[in-house]
């Protein structure tokens, strides 16, 4: 039965992942995504329903538009599959508990941010403002221990990043700071600090590897959002284990 539910959440996730692609790609350009039909970004042809089946349409069409034969970006199936996996994983780890709603909201927000930051290097205020009240409500219903941890987490991480932004004169974007503040509400003070540390560590390691293999150039602007997304997910699902492991080393 658990495997059946996990499959359901996976299918549920890839469907929503398709929508998150649209939101992440259109919203920064102030294009509507509620009523307008999906279209090929190259030839602008409106897509039929059978061209919009998450993942499967991409595979059947061999990654190309049926009309202009332009290669479809891998971001579409990647986000669909990643959202599906994370929805299923969230259920597998948490079960049918109230916290599952928090996990699904967190994953949803992070997937939209991942799309827009990778594509445009933008973390939109309106995305954060949409999810913030929903996450506050879930934290009021399912509070962390201690209850004040989300409040302190949001304030502390925002202050730390504000100081970094001022000292570095824009070395980190304000969007990153706002995203971490929202993450503070979800993760609490200890885990959001862990997420910040992990994002910096991942950014440094992966950035160095990208330069070594000449995928990016030195001082080339790169989106920091993907590292925050990965770090936030690690901190959310495995933060307690990592913190306990680290504290165990200090004993």
Protein backbone atom coordinates (compact mmCIF):
# COMPACT_ATOMS: atom_id res chain seq x y z
CA UNK A 1 0.00 0.00 0.00
CA UNK A 2 2.85 2.40 0.82
CA UNK A 3 4.42 1.72 -2.58
CA UNK A 4 1.08 2.45 -4.27
CA UNK A 5 0.78 5.75 -2.41
CA UNK A 6 4.36 6.62 -3.34
CA UNK A 7 3.53 5.99 -7.01
CA UNK A 8 0.49 8.24 -6.66
CA UNK A 9 2.59 11.04 -5.19
CA UNK A 10 5.16 10.58 -7.97
CA UNK A 11 2.49 10.98 -10.66
CA UNK A 12 1.02 13.86 -8.68
CA UNK A 13 4.49 15.42 -8.53
CA UNK A 14 5.37 15.16 -12.22
CA UNK A 15 2.02 16.77 -13.05
CA UNK A 16 2.67 19.69 -10.73
CA UNK A 17 6.28 19.80 -11.91
CA UNK A 18 5.02 20.53 -15.42
CA UNK A 19 3.04 23.47 -14.02
CA UNK A 20 6.03 24.69 -12.00
CA UNK A 21 8.05 24.81 -15.22
CA UNK A 22 5.46 27.14 -16.71
CA UNK A 23 5.35 29.35 -13.62
CA UNK A 24 9.13 29.53 -13.31
CA UNK A 25 9.62 30.37 -16.98
CA UNK A 26 6.71 32.77 -17.54
CA UNK A 27 6.35 34.61 -14.26
CA UNK A 28 9.69 36.50 -14.43
CA UNK A 29 8.61 37.79 -17.85
CA UNK A 30 5.23 38.86 -16.41
CA UNK A 31 3.44 36.45 -18.73
CA UNK A 32 0.21 34.89 -17.52
CA UNK A 33 0.23 31.17 -16.83
CA UNK A 34 -3.32 30.70 -15.60
CA UNK A 35 -5.49 30.84 -18.73
CA UNK A 36 -3.08 30.89 -21.67
CA UNK A 37 -2.36 27.60 -23.40
CA UNK A 38 1.19 26.27 -23.37
CA UNK A 39 3.19 26.91 -26.50
CA UNK A 40 6.55 26.10 -28.06
CA UNK A 41 8.99 28.88 -27.06
CA UNK A 42 10.61 28.65 -30.49
CA UNK A 43 7.74 28.58 -33.03
CA UNK A 44 4.98 29.76 -30.62
CA UNK A 45 2.67 26.95 -31.75
CA UNK A 46 0.02 26.13 -29.13
CA UNK A 47 0.56 22.64 -27.79
CA UNK A 48 -2.12 19.97 -27.80
CA UNK A 49 -2.97 17.94 -24.72
CA UNK A 50 -0.97 14.94 -25.93
CA UNK A 51 2.11 17.16 -26.22
CA UNK A 52 1.78 18.17 -22.57
CA UNK A 53 1.89 14.80 -20.83
CA UNK A 54 4.67 15.19 -18.24
CA UNK A 55 7.90 13.36 -19.15
CA UNK A 56 6.21 10.98 -21.63
CA UNK A 57 5.54 13.63 -24.30
CA UNK A 58 9.22 14.60 -24.16
CA UNK A 59 10.28 10.97 -24.64
CA UNK A 60 7.77 10.23 -27.40
CA UNK A 61 8.77 13.39 -29.30
CA UNK A 62 12.45 12.55 -28.74
CA UNK A 63 13.01 15.90 -27.08
CA UNK A 64 11.91 17.97 -30.07
CA UNK A 65 8.94 20.15 -30.93
CA UNK A 66 6.58 18.27 -33.26
CA UNK A 67 6.12 21.37 -35.41
CA UNK A 68 9.46 23.17 -35.75
CA UNK A 69 11.71 20.27 -34.65
CA UNK A 70 13.59 22.58 -32.27
CA UNK A 71 15.23 20.79 -29.34
CA UNK A 72 13.15 21.05 -26.18
CA UNK A 73 15.09 22.16 -23.11
CA UNK A 74 15.95 19.35 -20.70
CA UNK A 75 14.76 21.60 -17.89
CA UNK A 76 11.18 20.49 -18.61
CA UNK A 77 11.50 16.72 -17.99
CA UNK A 78 14.19 17.30 -15.36
CA UNK A 79 11.94 19.45 -13.16
CA UNK A 80 8.98 17.13 -13.74
CA UNK A 81 10.97 14.06 -12.70
CA UNK A 82 12.63 15.85 -9.79
CA UNK A 83 9.31 17.12 -8.46
CA UNK A 84 7.78 13.67 -8.83
CA UNK A 85 10.67 12.05 -7.00
CA UNK A 86 10.61 14.63 -4.20
CA UNK A 87 6.84 14.34 -3.73
CA UNK A 88 7.14 10.54 -3.51
CA UNK A 89 10.19 10.78 -1.26
CA UNK A 90 8.40 13.24 1.04
CA UNK A 91 5.54 10.80 1.47
CA UNK A 92 7.95 7.89 1.98
CA UNK A 93 9.85 9.72 4.70
CA UNK A 94 6.94 11.44 6.47
CA UNK A 95 3.81 9.42 5.71
CA UNK A 96 0.28 10.80 5.70
CA UNK A 97 0.99 13.34 8.43
CA UNK A 98 0.34 17.07 8.54
CA UNK A 99 4.07 17.70 8.08
CA UNK A 100 3.72 16.19 4.60
CA UNK A 101 1.83 19.31 3.52
CA UNK A 102 4.75 21.44 4.70
CA UNK A 103 7.17 19.22 2.76
CA UNK A 104 5.12 19.41 -0.45
CA UNK A 105 4.80 23.19 -0.17
CA UNK A 106 8.55 23.50 0.42
CA UNK A 107 9.36 21.29 -2.58
CA UNK A 108 6.90 23.23 -4.75
CA UNK A 109 8.42 26.58 -3.85
CA UNK A 110 11.95 25.33 -4.39
CA UNK A 111 11.15 23.84 -7.81
CA UNK A 112 9.70 27.11 -9.10
CA UNK A 113 12.69 29.01 -7.74
CA UNK A 114 15.08 26.49 -9.30
CA UNK A 115 13.54 27.02 -12.76
CA UNK A 116 13.53 30.82 -12.61
CA UNK A 117 17.00 31.12 -11.06
CA UNK A 118 18.65 28.71 -13.51
CA UNK A 119 16.96 30.42 -16.47
CA UNK A 120 16.98 34.09 -15.48
CA UNK A 121 19.07 34.26 -12.26
CA UNK A 122 16.01 35.67 -10.52
CA UNK A 123 14.31 34.67 -7.26
CA UNK A 124 10.95 36.37 -7.42
CA UNK A 125 9.37 38.13 -4.45
CA UNK A 126 5.87 37.14 -5.55
CA UNK A 127 6.76 33.44 -5.41
CA UNK A 128 8.14 33.80 -1.89
CA UNK A 129 5.17 35.93 -0.81
CA UNK A 130 2.75 33.34 -2.15
CA UNK A 131 4.29 30.47 -0.21
CA UNK A 132 5.24 32.37 2.97
CA UNK A 133 1.73 32.61 4.52
CA UNK A 134 1.00 28.98 3.62
CA UNK A 135 4.20 27.83 5.31
CA UNK A 136 3.49 30.01 8.35
CA UNK A 137 0.07 28.37 8.68
CA UNK A 138 1.53 24.87 8.48
CA UNK A 139 4.12 25.78 11.10
CA UNK A 140 1.40 27.13 13.40
CA UNK A 141 -0.50 23.85 13.07
CA UNK A 142 2.62 21.68 13.26
CA UNK A 143 5.08 23.79 15.30
CA UNK A 144 8.75 23.06 15.68
CA UNK A 145 10.36 22.45 19.06
CA UNK A 146 10.94 25.03 20.43
CA UNK A 147 8.00 26.96 18.97
CA UNK A 148 10.02 30.16 18.54
CA UNK A 149 12.68 28.50 16.37
CA UNK A 150 11.07 29.50 13.01
CA UNK A 151 10.84 33.15 14.11
CA UNK A 152 14.42 33.30 15.33
CA UNK A 153 15.61 31.32 12.31
CA UNK A 154 14.05 33.74 9.83
CA UNK A 155 15.38 36.81 11.66
CA UNK A 156 18.89 35.49 12.32
CA UNK A 157 19.55 34.23 8.80
CA UNK A 158 18.16 37.44 7.27
CA UNK A 159 20.46 39.55 9.45
CA UNK A 160 23.50 37.41 8.65
CA UNK A 161 22.88 37.62 4.90
CA UNK A 162 22.10 41.32 5.06
CA UNK A 163 25.52 41.90 6.66
CA UNK A 164 27.18 39.72 4.00
CA UNK A 165 25.44 41.67 1.23
CA UNK A 166 26.53 45.01 2.72
CA UNK A 167 30.12 43.92 3.35
CA UNK A 168 30.53 42.21 -0.03
CA UNK A 169 28.65 45.03 -1.81
CA UNK A 170 26.30 42.73 -3.66
CA UNK A 171 28.31 39.53 -3.52
CA UNK A 172 25.06 37.78 -2.68
CA UNK A 173 21.66 38.76 -4.03
CA UNK A 174 18.77 40.10 -2.00
CA UNK A 175 16.63 37.31 -3.45
CA UNK A 176 18.88 34.75 -1.77
CA UNK A 177 18.45 36.56 1.55
CA UNK A 178 14.65 36.59 1.24
CA UNK A 179 14.59 32.92 0.27
CA UNK A 180 16.65 32.00 3.33
CA UNK A 181 14.30 34.03 5.53
CA UNK A 182 11.36 31.96 4.26
CA UNK A 183 13.39 28.79 4.76
CA UNK A 184 13.99 29.91 8.34
CA UNK A 185 10.25 29.66 8.94
CA UNK A 186 10.22 26.07 7.69
CA UNK A 187 13.52 24.80 9.07
CA UNK A 188 14.00 26.71 12.31
CA UNK A 189 17.18 28.36 13.49
CA UNK A 190 19.55 25.36 13.62
CA UNK A 191 18.58 23.81 10.30
CA UNK A 192 18.49 27.09 8.37
CA UNK A 193 22.03 27.84 9.54
CA UNK A 194 22.96 24.33 8.44
CA UNK A 195 21.32 24.98 5.06
CA UNK A 196 23.31 28.20 4.67
CA UNK A 197 26.57 26.42 5.49
CA UNK A 198 25.79 23.55 3.10
CA UNK A 199 24.81 25.92 0.28
CA UNK A 200 28.13 27.77 0.60
CA UNK A 201 30.05 24.49 0.75
CA UNK A 202 28.23 23.03 -2.25
CA UNK A 203 28.61 26.27 -4.18
CA UNK A 204 32.35 26.37 -3.53
CA UNK A 205 32.97 22.71 -4.43
CA UNK A 206 30.74 22.58 -7.52
CA UNK A 207 31.85 26.02 -8.67
CA UNK A 208 35.49 24.95 -8.44
CA UNK A 209 34.79 21.78 -10.42
CA UNK A 210 32.94 23.77 -13.10
CA UNK A 211 35.96 26.05 -13.47
CA UNK A 212 38.41 23.15 -13.53
CA UNK A 213 36.47 21.55 -16.39
CA UNK A 214 36.10 24.99 -18.04
CA UNK A 215 32.31 24.88 -18.01
CA UNK A 216 32.27 28.36 -16.50
CA UNK A 217 34.89 31.10 -16.37
CA UNK A 218 36.40 32.73 -13.33
CA UNK A 219 34.18 35.56 -11.99
CA UNK A 220 31.36 34.49 -14.31
CA UNK A 221 27.98 35.13 -12.64
CA UNK A 222 26.25 31.88 -11.74
CA UNK A 223 22.92 31.30 -10.01
CA UNK A 224 23.23 30.50 -6.31
CA UNK A 225 19.62 29.27 -6.10
CA UNK A 226 20.34 25.63 -7.09
CA UNK A 227 22.79 25.28 -4.19
CA UNK A 228 20.25 26.76 -1.79
CA UNK A 229 17.59 24.37 -3.08
CA UNK A 230 19.81 21.32 -2.60
CA UNK A 231 21.05 22.49 0.80
CA UNK A 232 17.52 23.26 2.00
CA UNK A 233 16.29 19.80 1.05
CA UNK A 234 19.25 18.13 2.78
CA UNK A 235 18.70 20.24 5.90
CA UNK A 236 14.94 19.57 5.91
CA UNK A 237 15.12 15.79 5.56
CA UNK A 238 18.49 15.04 7.18
CA UNK A 239 19.25 18.10 9.30
CA UNK A 240 18.73 16.35 12.64
CA UNK A 241 21.05 13.50 11.66
CA UNK A 242 23.77 15.86 10.43
CA UNK A 243 23.56 18.08 13.52
CA UNK A 244 23.63 15.09 15.88
CA UNK A 245 26.60 13.64 13.95
CA UNK A 246 28.49 16.92 14.16
CA UNK A 247 27.77 17.36 17.88
CA UNK A 248 28.88 13.77 18.43
CA UNK A 249 32.28 14.61 16.96
CA UNK A 250 32.70 17.38 19.52
CA UNK A 251 32.09 15.14 22.55
